[in-house]
Every structure is written in structure tokens, then in C-alpha cells.
Amino acid sequence: MFVIYVSLNYQQLPITTREQLVFSKDELTRANALLSDEKSILENMILSTCNRTEVYAVVDQIHTGRYYIKRFLANWCHVSIDQITQWAQIGFKQDAVAHLLRVTTGLESLIVGEPQILGQVKEAFFTARDQGTTGVILNHLAKTAITFAKKQHTTYRVSELAKTSGQTGLHQIKLSLKDLTDKHLVIAGLGDVGTHVLKNASTMGFQDITILNRTNERATALAASYGETVQAADWDKLAVAANAADAVVLATSAKQPVLNGHTLASGATNLKTVVDLGVPRNVHSEDLPTEITYFDIDHLTAIISENQMAKGEMLEAMAAQVPAAVDAFFVWQQQLHVVPVIQEIRESALDVEKTAYDSLLRKLPELDAHQRKVISKHMKSIINQMILGPIKSVKELSLQDDADLDLAFVCQIFGLSTDLVKQEQPYEK
């Protein structure tokens, strides 16, 4: 059995081609079922997003499986097999496993490191699993990829590194204020930049957001579209609003500063952080009170540059984890054929424990329920400790070249059937 993938993605194909190859959510269940009926396909899962359409499958023969996957895609998308061959990126064995790990982690995404693809892979897997087109291998592979991606994003948090000056400014505010649930934000200037800042800020958990624009009607209309958390204020109330806020973001096109140290007097203001996105600058920063932290566009650009360097290092670290995860998957797969041996060892040991326990109860009928429970618990513990070493050795033996001979010897020692030792177990779809 071999793992294979066939990928039609943005790295090879423009949108004009990719849009011919998309599976809708409603189509995936039927598509998985049809692919499962193709020759050589033992398990399969289809992933389809705006940037990639991919088939992951377990096949009994690489060349045959590859052909029938391409034929299925050609028939479904109403193109020729030759076109699919020309467009497709194909890999198998270690390459296929590594590809799914990289895709799920976002390392192959258009925006490298983005976490959205993780949810899309999960949905694709659940759809195929519920349809019954995945089995032991793809189930384990998909779960491995999902767990791996979650761990990488938890460890490195690439998606939290801001990419724009507005996002960076909001992140600096969050770092400064920490808990935002009781904090008040002011956004002044509602052009393209200010509107994007409001969109991002509205999801961050601020208690209140006050927005202002030189055209008051613009602020009123925009506030109405966001609900109770966002309120509009007249432009001439900017100084009052800023002094009452915990943080201010300014993104106006004003030629002169709209705030200065006189309007934000020390001791008379609650303000802690000012983010100035204006060019020319919206704040005369030289005379600001010392307790106010100020960021202009150059400060934010420097932080973005640092973020890009940090992101690159994080992505390299994430990619470096892939080979070990691939190796671990194939160790698991190589040990599949010893599962029946391990199960029989456990069952045989538990049969011995049950026989001894039943004999003990016949000899000591006066034992109460609590005493019986304690004895049973300790007997099971003894059994588990006794077979722990042999089971570990069986797993290690399964990785050796002469695994069959060694495992047959183990079966003889434990009085088990040597028929349990098979490198290839019969596969049922």
C-alpha cells in the first residue's frame, strides 16, 4: 500500500485554470464516493480550496493509482488526462506525507504560514471519513497532519505577526493595555486605512470604540453598521474623546497635526498609547506627556520589518519539524502488521489474570466488593507491567529486516499462532 497525492495548485496554475478544477462542498461527498470506486484506490480524501484542489489516496500500485486518480479528475472537470498530467504536481510515499503536513501547516499557502488551511483540511478529512472513503492509513495521516499543524501554530504563532501598519499599531496597543475588555479605543479618520483599522479593532474585544471623521455623516453611518460597541462622535470632540480613551489611532489626511501636548495634558488625560498612521503626522509628538507611548509610521514600519524577519525564522523552524513527523508516520505504518500480535499478547495475559482472579474469589468468598476491586486493580497492574517490556520489544522488532522470524519466535514463546505474523494484512475498503 502506498500514499499518493495529486495536486492542482496556485504555484503551477493561474486562477483561470484553477476555477475549472474546484469541487464545491456539496459535491465532495459524491466525488469521494466515485473516486473510491476507481481501480487501485483503497482510501481517498479530496481537498478543494480557492488555491488548490488535491487528492490524497492510499493505493495498491503507484502507477495504476496515479492513472486512475488523473482519469477521475479529468472526467469530473471535463478536461483531458493529458491536461491533468501537464498541470498536476504528484508525489508518493514520504513526499506525499510531507506534502500534506506542509499544506496543513500553511507552509504551501499563498500567504505562507496562514492557519485557515488547517480548518479546510479538517473539513475535507471529516467529509471523506463520514463518507467512509478513508481507512486506517488516511485516518492516521490526517490526524497526524492536523495535530502537527496545531502544535506548530501554537508554538510559533506566525499568524499573530502583523503585516500592515494598522495591524501593527493595534498589536502595540494590545501589548500595552493587555486586557482590552474594559478599554476604550478612539479611531480618527475613516478613509481606507481607518476603515481597515476599525474592522480589525472590532474583533479584538474593546469595551467601547469611538470613531470620528471630518465628515460626521461618514462616522455615523459606519458606526451604525457595527452595533452598540462602536459609537460616532463629532469631529470637534476629538480632543475630548482622546483624553477619555485608553488608546487612539489616527489616520487622517490632515496637513497639520490634529492632536498635540496641549490637547493631551499630563494628569488630565487617561490616554496611554497613540498610533499615528498619518503622513504628514497627525500628532505633534515632541510635547506629548511622558506617560503616553507614541508610534508613528516609521516606528511601525521598523516593527513590520522585524516581524518579517521573525516570521521567516519561524517558518524555517516549522519546516524543519516536517521530516521527523514523516519518519514517525512511517514507523507507525511499518508497525501496523504487529498489531494483531500485540493484541493477542494482551488478550492472553488478561485471560491468565481473569482465571487467577476467579480462582482467588472461589477460595476467598468472604471478600467484600471493595476488597475485590482493589485486588482486581492490582492484578491488572501486575499484568500490564509484565507485558510492557515484551510489547515494546515487539514494536522494535517489527522495524528489523528479519522481523517475521523474530516475531514468529515471540509468538512461540507466548503460545500464540504464528499466522499472526504477516508483513501485509489483507486490506478491505
Protein backbone atom coordinates (compact mmCIF):
# COMPACT_ATOMS: atom_id res chain seq x y z
CA MET A 1 0.00 0.00 0.00
CA PHE A 2 1.27 3.47 -0.89
CA VAL A 3 0.23 7.02 0.00
CA ILE A 4 -0.02 9.30 -3.04
CA TYR A 5 -1.13 12.86 -3.70
CA VAL A 6 -2.14 14.70 -6.85
CA SER A 7 -2.16 18.48 -6.52
CA LEU A 8 -3.52 21.18 -8.82
CA ASN A 9 -2.47 24.41 -7.10
CA TYR A 10 -1.75 28.12 -7.43
CA GLN A 11 2.02 27.52 -7.72
CA GLN A 12 1.54 25.89 -11.13
CA LEU A 13 -1.81 27.19 -12.34
CA PRO A 14 -3.48 30.60 -12.76
CA ILE A 15 -6.97 31.29 -11.47
CA THR A 16 -8.40 30.89 -14.97
CA THR A 17 -7.35 27.24 -14.86
CA ARG A 18 -7.95 26.56 -11.15
CA GLU A 19 -11.56 27.71 -11.34
CA GLN A 20 -12.25 24.77 -13.70
CA LEU A 21 -10.97 22.31 -11.09
CA VAL A 22 -12.89 23.27 -7.95
CA PHE A 23 -15.16 20.88 -6.03
CA SER A 24 -17.97 22.57 -4.13
CA LYS A 25 -18.79 21.44 -0.60
CA ASP A 26 -21.98 19.83 -1.86
CA GLU A 27 -20.04 17.85 -4.47
CA LEU A 28 -17.29 16.46 -2.24
CA THR A 29 -19.30 13.62 -0.73
CA ARG A 30 -20.31 12.23 -4.13
CA ALA A 31 -16.84 12.90 -5.57
CA ASN A 32 -15.12 10.97 -2.78
CA ALA A 33 -17.51 8.06 -3.30
CA LEU A 34 -16.89 7.96 -7.05
CA LEU A 35 -13.12 8.15 -6.61
CA SER A 36 -13.29 5.33 -4.08
CA ASP A 37 -14.82 3.08 -6.76
CA GLU A 38 -11.86 3.57 -9.09
CA LYS A 39 -9.41 0.72 -9.60
CA SER A 40 -6.41 0.61 -7.23
CA ILE A 41 -7.88 3.22 -4.83
CA LEU A 42 -8.05 1.82 -1.29
CA GLU A 43 -8.63 5.09 0.59
CA ASN A 44 -9.12 8.67 -0.56
CA MET A 45 -9.74 12.26 0.53
CA ILE A 46 -10.30 15.35 -1.65
CA LEU A 47 -9.21 18.83 -0.53
CA SER A 48 -10.57 21.75 -2.58
CA THR A 49 -9.94 25.43 -1.78
CA CYS A 50 -9.59 28.61 -3.84
CA ASN A 51 -5.85 27.96 -4.20
CA ARG A 52 -5.64 24.18 -4.56
CA THR A 53 -7.53 21.03 -5.48
CA GLU A 54 -5.78 17.92 -4.18
CA VAL A 55 -6.43 14.21 -3.91
CA TYR A 56 -4.77 12.17 -1.18
CA ALA A 57 -5.11 8.42 -1.56
CA VAL A 58 -3.84 5.05 -0.45
CA VAL A 59 -3.30 2.82 -3.50
CA ASP A 60 -2.18 -0.76 -4.01
CA GLN A 61 0.02 0.18 -7.01
CA ILE A 62 1.58 3.58 -7.60
CA HIS A 63 1.37 3.70 -11.40
CA THR A 64 -2.15 2.31 -11.55
CA GLY A 65 -3.40 4.50 -8.72
CA ARG A 66 -1.84 7.62 -10.24
CA TYR A 67 -3.51 6.94 -13.60
CA TYR A 68 -6.98 6.39 -12.15
CA ILE A 69 -6.78 9.50 -9.95
CA LYS A 70 -5.86 11.57 -13.01
CA ARG A 71 -8.65 9.92 -15.02
CA PHE A 72 -11.16 10.69 -12.28
CA LEU A 73 -10.10 14.36 -12.14
CA ALA A 74 -10.20 14.65 -15.92
CA ASN A 75 -13.70 13.15 -16.13
CA TRP A 76 -15.05 15.22 -13.27
CA CYS A 77 -13.58 18.51 -14.52
CA HIS A 78 -14.30 17.81 -18.20
CA VAL A 79 -10.70 18.12 -19.33
CA SER A 80 -8.28 15.62 -20.88
CA ILE A 81 -5.97 13.32 -18.91
CA ASP A 82 -3.08 14.93 -20.78
CA GLN A 83 -4.09 18.31 -19.38
CA ILE A 84 -4.25 16.92 -15.84
CA THR A 85 -0.83 15.34 -16.37
CA GLN A 86 0.55 18.67 -17.53
CA TRP A 87 -0.97 20.64 -14.65
CA ALA A 88 -0.60 18.24 -11.74
CA GLN A 89 2.06 18.00 -9.07
CA ILE A 90 2.28 14.35 -7.99
CA GLY A 91 4.17 12.64 -5.20
CA PHE A 92 4.04 9.43 -3.20
CA LYS A 93 5.35 7.73 -0.07
CA GLN A 94 7.44 10.19 2.00
CA ASP A 95 6.80 13.05 -0.41
CA ALA A 96 3.04 12.61 -0.10
CA VAL A 97 3.10 12.58 3.69
CA ALA A 98 5.42 15.59 3.83
CA HIS A 99 3.21 17.48 1.38
CA LEU A 100 0.08 17.05 3.50
CA LEU A 101 1.98 18.12 6.62
CA ARG A 102 3.27 21.24 4.86
CA VAL A 103 -0.12 22.08 3.35
CA THR A 104 -1.96 21.67 6.66
CA THR A 105 0.60 23.86 8.44
CA GLY A 106 0.29 26.62 5.83
CA LEU A 107 3.83 26.22 4.53
CA GLU A 108 2.49 25.76 0.98
CA SER A 109 -0.12 28.53 1.21
CA LEU A 110 -0.17 31.69 -0.88
CA ILE A 111 0.15 33.61 2.39
CA VAL A 112 2.80 31.38 3.95
CA GLY A 113 2.03 30.28 7.49
CA GLU A 114 -1.67 31.22 7.46
CA PRO A 115 -3.81 28.98 9.71
CA GLN A 116 -7.03 28.94 7.67
CA ILE A 117 -5.93 25.94 5.63
CA LEU A 118 -5.86 23.83 8.80
CA GLY A 119 -9.62 24.16 9.13
CA GLN A 120 -10.08 23.37 5.46
CA VAL A 121 -8.02 20.17 5.76
CA LYS A 122 -10.04 19.14 8.82
CA GLU A 123 -13.29 19.69 6.93
CA ALA A 124 -12.02 17.72 3.93
CA PHE A 125 -10.98 14.84 6.19
CA PHE A 126 -14.28 14.76 8.10
CA THR A 127 -16.23 14.75 4.83
CA ALA A 128 -14.24 11.80 3.47
CA ARG A 129 -14.27 9.94 6.78
CA ASP A 130 -18.04 10.33 7.15
CA GLN A 131 -18.47 9.05 3.60
CA GLY A 132 -16.37 6.01 4.50
CA THR A 133 -13.62 6.62 1.93
CA THR A 134 -10.79 6.86 4.45
CA GLY A 135 -9.38 3.93 6.38
CA VAL A 136 -6.67 3.10 8.86
CA ILE A 137 -3.84 4.84 7.00
CA LEU A 138 -5.51 8.06 5.84
CA ASN A 139 -7.28 8.42 9.18
CA HIS A 140 -3.95 8.29 10.96
CA LEU A 141 -2.24 10.51 8.39
CA ALA A 142 -4.92 13.21 8.52
CA LYS A 143 -4.98 13.21 12.31
CA THR A 144 -1.18 13.38 12.34
CA ALA A 145 -1.21 16.38 9.98
CA ILE A 146 -3.89 18.19 11.98
CA THR A 147 -2.12 17.60 15.29
CA PHE A 148 1.22 18.60 13.78
CA ALA A 149 -0.19 21.86 12.36
CA LYS A 150 -1.90 22.76 15.63
CA LYS A 151 1.34 22.24 17.54
CA GLN A 152 3.35 24.37 15.09
CA HIS A 153 0.88 27.25 15.19
CA THR A 154 0.70 27.08 18.98
CA THR A 155 4.48 27.10 19.25
CA TYR A 156 5.30 29.77 16.67
CA ARG A 157 2.09 31.86 16.25
CA VAL A 158 3.11 33.14 12.82
CA SER A 159 -0.39 34.45 12.14
CA GLU A 160 -0.12 36.92 15.04
CA LEU A 161 2.72 38.82 13.38
CA ALA A 162 1.16 41.96 11.92
CA LYS A 163 1.67 42.64 8.21
CA THR A 164 0.28 46.21 7.86
CA SER A 165 0.89 49.41 9.76
CA GLY A 166 -2.70 49.40 11.04
CA GLN A 167 -2.47 45.82 12.31
CA THR A 168 0.91 46.56 13.86
CA GLY A 169 -0.45 49.62 15.62
CA LEU A 170 -3.36 47.67 17.07
CA HIS A 171 -0.98 44.95 18.20
CA GLN A 172 1.16 47.52 20.02
CA ILE A 173 -1.97 48.81 21.72
CA LYS A 174 -2.86 45.27 22.81
CA LEU A 175 0.67 44.72 24.16
CA SER A 176 0.45 47.98 26.10
CA LEU A 177 -3.07 47.62 27.51
CA LYS A 178 -3.12 43.79 27.82
CA ASP A 179 -6.75 43.15 28.82
CA LEU A 180 -8.99 45.06 26.39
CA THR A 181 -12.38 44.12 27.84
CA ASP A 182 -12.64 47.36 29.86
CA LYS A 183 -10.69 49.59 27.47
CA HIS A 184 -11.83 52.44 25.22
CA LEU A 185 -10.36 52.99 21.74
CA VAL A 186 -10.69 56.09 19.55
CA ILE A 187 -10.18 55.94 15.77
CA ALA A 188 -9.93 59.28 13.97
CA GLY A 189 -10.03 59.34 10.16
CA LEU A 190 -12.19 56.83 8.31
CA GLY A 191 -10.63 56.54 4.88
CA ASP A 192 -9.36 53.19 3.61
CA VAL A 193 -6.74 52.85 6.37
CA GLY A 194 -9.02 53.93 9.20
CA THR A 195 -11.83 51.68 7.98
CA HIS A 196 -9.50 48.64 7.96
CA VAL A 197 -8.30 49.55 11.46
CA LEU A 198 -11.92 49.68 12.66
CA LYS A 199 -12.69 46.32 11.06
CA ASN A 200 -9.77 44.68 12.87
CA ALA A 201 -10.33 46.51 16.16
CA SER A 202 -14.00 45.49 16.27
CA THR A 203 -12.98 41.85 16.78
CA MET A 204 -10.36 42.48 19.48
CA GLY A 205 -12.67 42.80 22.49
CA PHE A 206 -12.60 46.53 23.26
CA GLN A 207 -15.40 47.64 25.56
CA ASP A 208 -16.02 50.77 23.50
CA ILE A 209 -14.77 52.17 20.20
CA THR A 210 -15.40 55.80 19.29
CA ILE A 211 -14.92 56.80 15.65
CA LEU A 212 -14.59 60.31 14.23
CA ASN A 213 -14.30 61.71 10.72
CA ARG A 214 -14.20 65.23 9.32
CA THR A 215 -17.43 64.31 7.56
CA ASN A 216 -19.57 63.44 10.59
CA GLU A 217 -22.14 61.60 8.45
CA ARG A 218 -19.48 59.10 7.41
CA ALA A 219 -18.72 58.25 11.05
CA THR A 220 -22.42 57.97 11.94
CA ALA A 221 -23.19 55.63 9.06
CA LEU A 222 -20.17 53.42 9.75
CA ALA A 223 -20.93 53.18 13.47
CA ALA A 224 -24.47 52.04 12.69
CA SER A 225 -23.12 49.06 10.77
CA TYR A 226 -21.10 47.76 13.77
CA GLY A 227 -23.62 47.70 16.61
CA GLU A 228 -23.50 49.05 20.14
CA THR A 229 -19.75 48.71 20.74
CA VAL A 230 -18.94 51.36 18.11
CA GLN A 231 -20.19 54.93 18.56
CA ALA A 232 -19.65 58.02 16.41
CA ALA A 233 -18.61 61.41 17.74
CA ASP A 234 -18.43 64.79 16.05
CA TRP A 235 -15.04 65.80 14.72
CA ASP A 236 -14.82 68.84 17.00
CA LYS A 237 -14.96 66.46 20.00
CA LEU A 238 -11.67 64.74 19.05
CA ALA A 239 -9.64 66.17 21.95
CA VAL A 240 -12.34 65.26 24.49
CA ALA A 241 -12.66 61.74 23.10
CA ALA A 242 -8.87 61.24 23.00
CA ASN A 243 -8.41 62.31 26.63
CA ALA A 244 -11.13 59.88 27.75
CA ALA A 245 -9.74 56.95 25.78
CA ASP A 246 -7.08 54.38 26.66
CA ALA A 247 -5.69 54.38 23.11
CA VAL A 248 -6.05 56.43 19.93
CA VAL A 249 -5.39 55.54 16.29
CA LEU A 250 -5.17 58.48 13.89
CA ALA A 251 -5.37 58.01 10.13
CA THR A 252 -6.36 61.37 8.72
CA SER A 253 -5.07 63.19 5.65
CA ALA A 254 -4.73 66.46 7.57
CA LYS A 255 -1.81 68.68 6.57
CA GLN A 256 -1.34 69.85 10.17
CA PRO A 257 -1.34 67.90 13.47
CA VAL A 258 -4.81 67.35 14.92
CA LEU A 259 -3.53 66.49 18.42
CA ASN A 260 -0.62 67.79 20.50
CA GLY A 261 0.67 68.04 24.03
CA HIS A 262 -1.69 70.90 24.87
CA THR A 263 -4.79 68.89 23.99
CA LEU A 264 -3.37 65.83 25.81
CA ALA A 265 -2.21 67.47 29.01
CA SER A 266 -0.32 65.42 31.58
CA GLY A 267 -2.50 64.44 34.51
CA ALA A 268 -5.68 65.41 32.66
CA THR A 269 -5.73 62.51 30.23
CA ASN A 270 -6.44 58.80 30.51
CA LEU A 271 -4.59 58.16 27.25
CA LYS A 272 -1.75 55.61 27.28
CA THR A 273 -0.98 54.79 23.63
CA VAL A 274 -1.16 56.84 20.42
CA VAL A 275 -0.76 55.24 16.99
CA ASP A 276 -0.24 57.85 14.27
CA LEU A 277 -0.74 56.48 10.74
CA GLY A 278 -0.82 59.88 9.10
CA VAL A 279 1.67 61.27 6.61
CA PRO A 280 2.14 64.14 7.40
CA ARG A 281 1.92 63.05 11.02
CA ASN A 282 -1.40 63.70 12.77
CA VAL A 283 0.21 64.35 16.16
CA HIS A 284 2.77 66.89 17.28
CA SER A 285 4.65 64.31 19.32
CA GLU A 286 7.51 66.39 20.72
CA ASP A 287 5.46 67.81 23.61
CA LEU A 288 3.35 64.75 24.44
CA PRO A 289 3.17 63.78 28.14
CA THR A 290 5.82 61.20 29.04
CA GLU A 291 3.22 58.66 30.14
CA ILE A 292 1.89 58.37 26.59
CA THR A 293 3.58 55.85 24.27
CA TYR A 294 3.68 57.16 20.69
CA PHE A 295 4.12 55.27 17.42
CA ASP A 296 4.39 56.94 14.03
CA ILE A 297 4.57 55.27 10.62
CA ASP A 298 8.37 54.86 10.79
CA HIS A 299 8.17 53.13 14.18
CA LEU A 300 5.54 50.75 12.81
CA THR A 301 7.50 50.07 9.60
CA ALA A 302 10.52 49.07 11.68
CA ILE A 303 8.35 46.68 13.70
CA ILE A 304 6.93 45.17 10.49
CA SER A 305 10.47 44.58 9.22
CA GLU A 306 11.33 42.84 12.48
CA ASN A 307 8.13 40.79 12.15
CA GLN A 308 9.10 39.67 8.66
CA MET A 309 12.49 38.51 9.89
CA ALA A 310 10.89 36.73 12.83
CA LYS A 311 8.29 35.18 10.54
CA GLY A 312 10.99 33.84 8.23
CA GLU A 313 12.80 32.25 11.16
CA MET A 314 9.55 30.75 12.48
CA LEU A 315 8.64 29.30 9.08
CA GLU A 316 12.09 27.73 8.78
CA ALA A 317 11.68 26.22 12.24
CA MET A 318 8.24 24.85 11.33
CA ALA A 319 9.54 23.35 8.09
CA ALA A 320 12.44 21.75 9.95
CA GLN A 321 9.94 19.71 12.03
CA VAL A 322 8.38 18.06 8.98
CA PRO A 323 10.99 15.31 8.29
CA ALA A 324 10.77 13.93 11.83
CA ALA A 325 6.97 13.84 11.63
CA VAL A 326 7.20 12.00 8.29
CA ASP A 327 9.59 9.45 9.80
CA ALA A 328 7.26 8.94 12.76
CA PHE A 329 4.34 8.25 10.43
CA PHE A 330 6.23 5.57 8.54
CA VAL A 331 7.43 3.97 11.78
CA TRP A 332 3.76 3.73 12.75
CA GLN A 333 2.84 2.30 9.34
CA GLN A 334 5.66 -0.23 9.47
CA GLN A 335 4.40 -1.44 12.84
CA LEU A 336 0.84 -1.99 11.63
CA HIS A 337 1.41 -5.68 10.91
CA VAL A 338 2.37 -6.38 14.54
CA VAL A 339 -0.90 -5.01 15.94
CA PRO A 340 -2.54 -8.49 15.91
CA VAL A 341 0.47 -9.92 17.78
CA ILE A 342 0.28 -7.21 20.45
CA GLN A 343 -3.48 -7.67 20.78
CA GLU A 344 -3.06 -11.41 21.27
CA ILE A 345 -0.35 -10.89 23.89
CA ARG A 346 -2.67 -8.54 25.80
CA GLU A 347 -5.68 -10.84 25.49
CA SER A 348 -3.65 -13.89 26.52
CA ALA A 349 -2.29 -12.05 29.57
CA LEU A 350 -5.76 -10.81 30.54
CA ASP A 351 -7.14 -14.36 30.23
CA VAL A 352 -4.49 -15.52 32.70
CA GLU A 353 -5.37 -12.64 35.04
CA LYS A 354 -9.10 -13.44 34.86
CA THR A 355 -8.53 -17.16 35.53
CA ALA A 356 -6.36 -16.37 38.57
CA TYR A 357 -8.83 -13.75 39.84
CA ASP A 358 -11.84 -16.09 39.54
CA SER A 359 -9.89 -18.83 41.37
CA LEU A 360 -9.00 -16.39 44.16
CA LEU A 361 -12.65 -15.39 44.63
CA ARG A 362 -13.69 -19.05 44.90
CA LYS A 363 -11.09 -19.58 47.62
CA LEU A 364 -11.88 -16.34 49.46
CA PRO A 365 -15.66 -15.87 49.16
CA GLU A 366 -15.73 -13.60 52.22
CA LEU A 367 -14.08 -10.71 50.33
CA ASP A 368 -16.36 -7.66 50.07
CA ALA A 369 -16.83 -5.55 46.91
CA HIS A 370 -14.16 -3.01 47.84
CA GLN A 371 -11.56 -5.69 48.55
CA ARG A 372 -12.36 -7.45 45.28
CA LYS A 373 -11.98 -4.17 43.38
CA VAL A 374 -8.59 -3.45 44.97
CA ILE A 375 -7.31 -6.96 44.24
CA SER A 376 -8.53 -6.81 40.62
CA LYS A 377 -6.88 -3.43 40.11
CA HIS A 378 -3.53 -4.65 41.43
CA MET A 379 -3.64 -7.88 39.43
CA LYS A 380 -4.26 -5.92 36.23
CA SER A 381 -1.39 -3.60 37.14
CA ILE A 382 0.96 -6.57 37.58
CA ILE A 383 -0.11 -8.00 34.21
CA ASN A 384 0.37 -4.65 32.43
CA GLN A 385 3.84 -4.22 33.91
CA MET A 386 4.82 -7.75 32.91
CA ILE A 387 3.79 -7.37 29.26
CA LEU A 388 5.02 -3.77 28.85
CA GLY A 389 8.59 -4.86 28.09
CA PRO A 390 7.64 -7.61 25.62
CA ILE A 391 5.22 -5.31 23.75
CA LYS A 392 7.89 -2.63 23.47
CA SER A 393 10.32 -5.24 22.13
CA VAL A 394 7.74 -6.49 19.61
CA LYS A 395 7.33 -2.95 18.25
CA GLU A 396 11.08 -2.56 17.92
CA LEU A 397 11.45 -5.98 16.26
CA SER A 398 8.85 -5.00 13.66
CA LEU A 399 11.29 -2.44 12.24
CA GLN A 400 14.05 -5.01 11.60
CA ASP A 401 14.71 -6.60 8.23
CA ASP A 402 14.11 -10.11 9.60
CA ALA A 403 11.02 -9.07 11.57
CA ASP A 404 8.95 -12.12 10.53
CA LEU A 405 11.40 -14.63 12.04
CA ASP A 406 11.77 -12.70 15.30
CA LEU A 407 8.03 -12.16 15.68
CA ALA A 408 7.31 -15.81 14.96
CA PHE A 409 9.70 -16.70 17.78
CA VAL A 410 7.86 -14.29 20.11
CA CYS A 411 4.55 -15.94 19.18
CA GLN A 412 6.00 -19.35 20.01
CA ILE A 413 7.18 -18.13 23.42
CA PHE A 414 3.72 -16.77 24.27
CA GLY A 415 1.91 -19.77 22.78
CA LEU A 416 0.33 -17.70 20.01
CA SER A 417 -0.37 -18.70 16.43
CA THR A 418 2.45 -17.81 14.04
CA ASP A 419 -0.23 -16.97 11.45
CA LEU A 420 -0.44 -13.60 13.22
CA VAL A 421 2.92 -12.69 11.69
CA LYS A 422 2.23 -11.17 8.28
CA GLN A 423 4.00 -8.26 6.68
CA GLU A 424 0.91 -7.47 4.62
CA GLN A 425 -2.51 -7.89 6.22
CA PRO A 426 -5.48 -8.38 3.85
CA TYR A 427 -6.92 -4.94 3.04
CA GLU A 428 -10.63 -4.26 2.91
CA LYS A 429 -12.10 -0.98 1.66
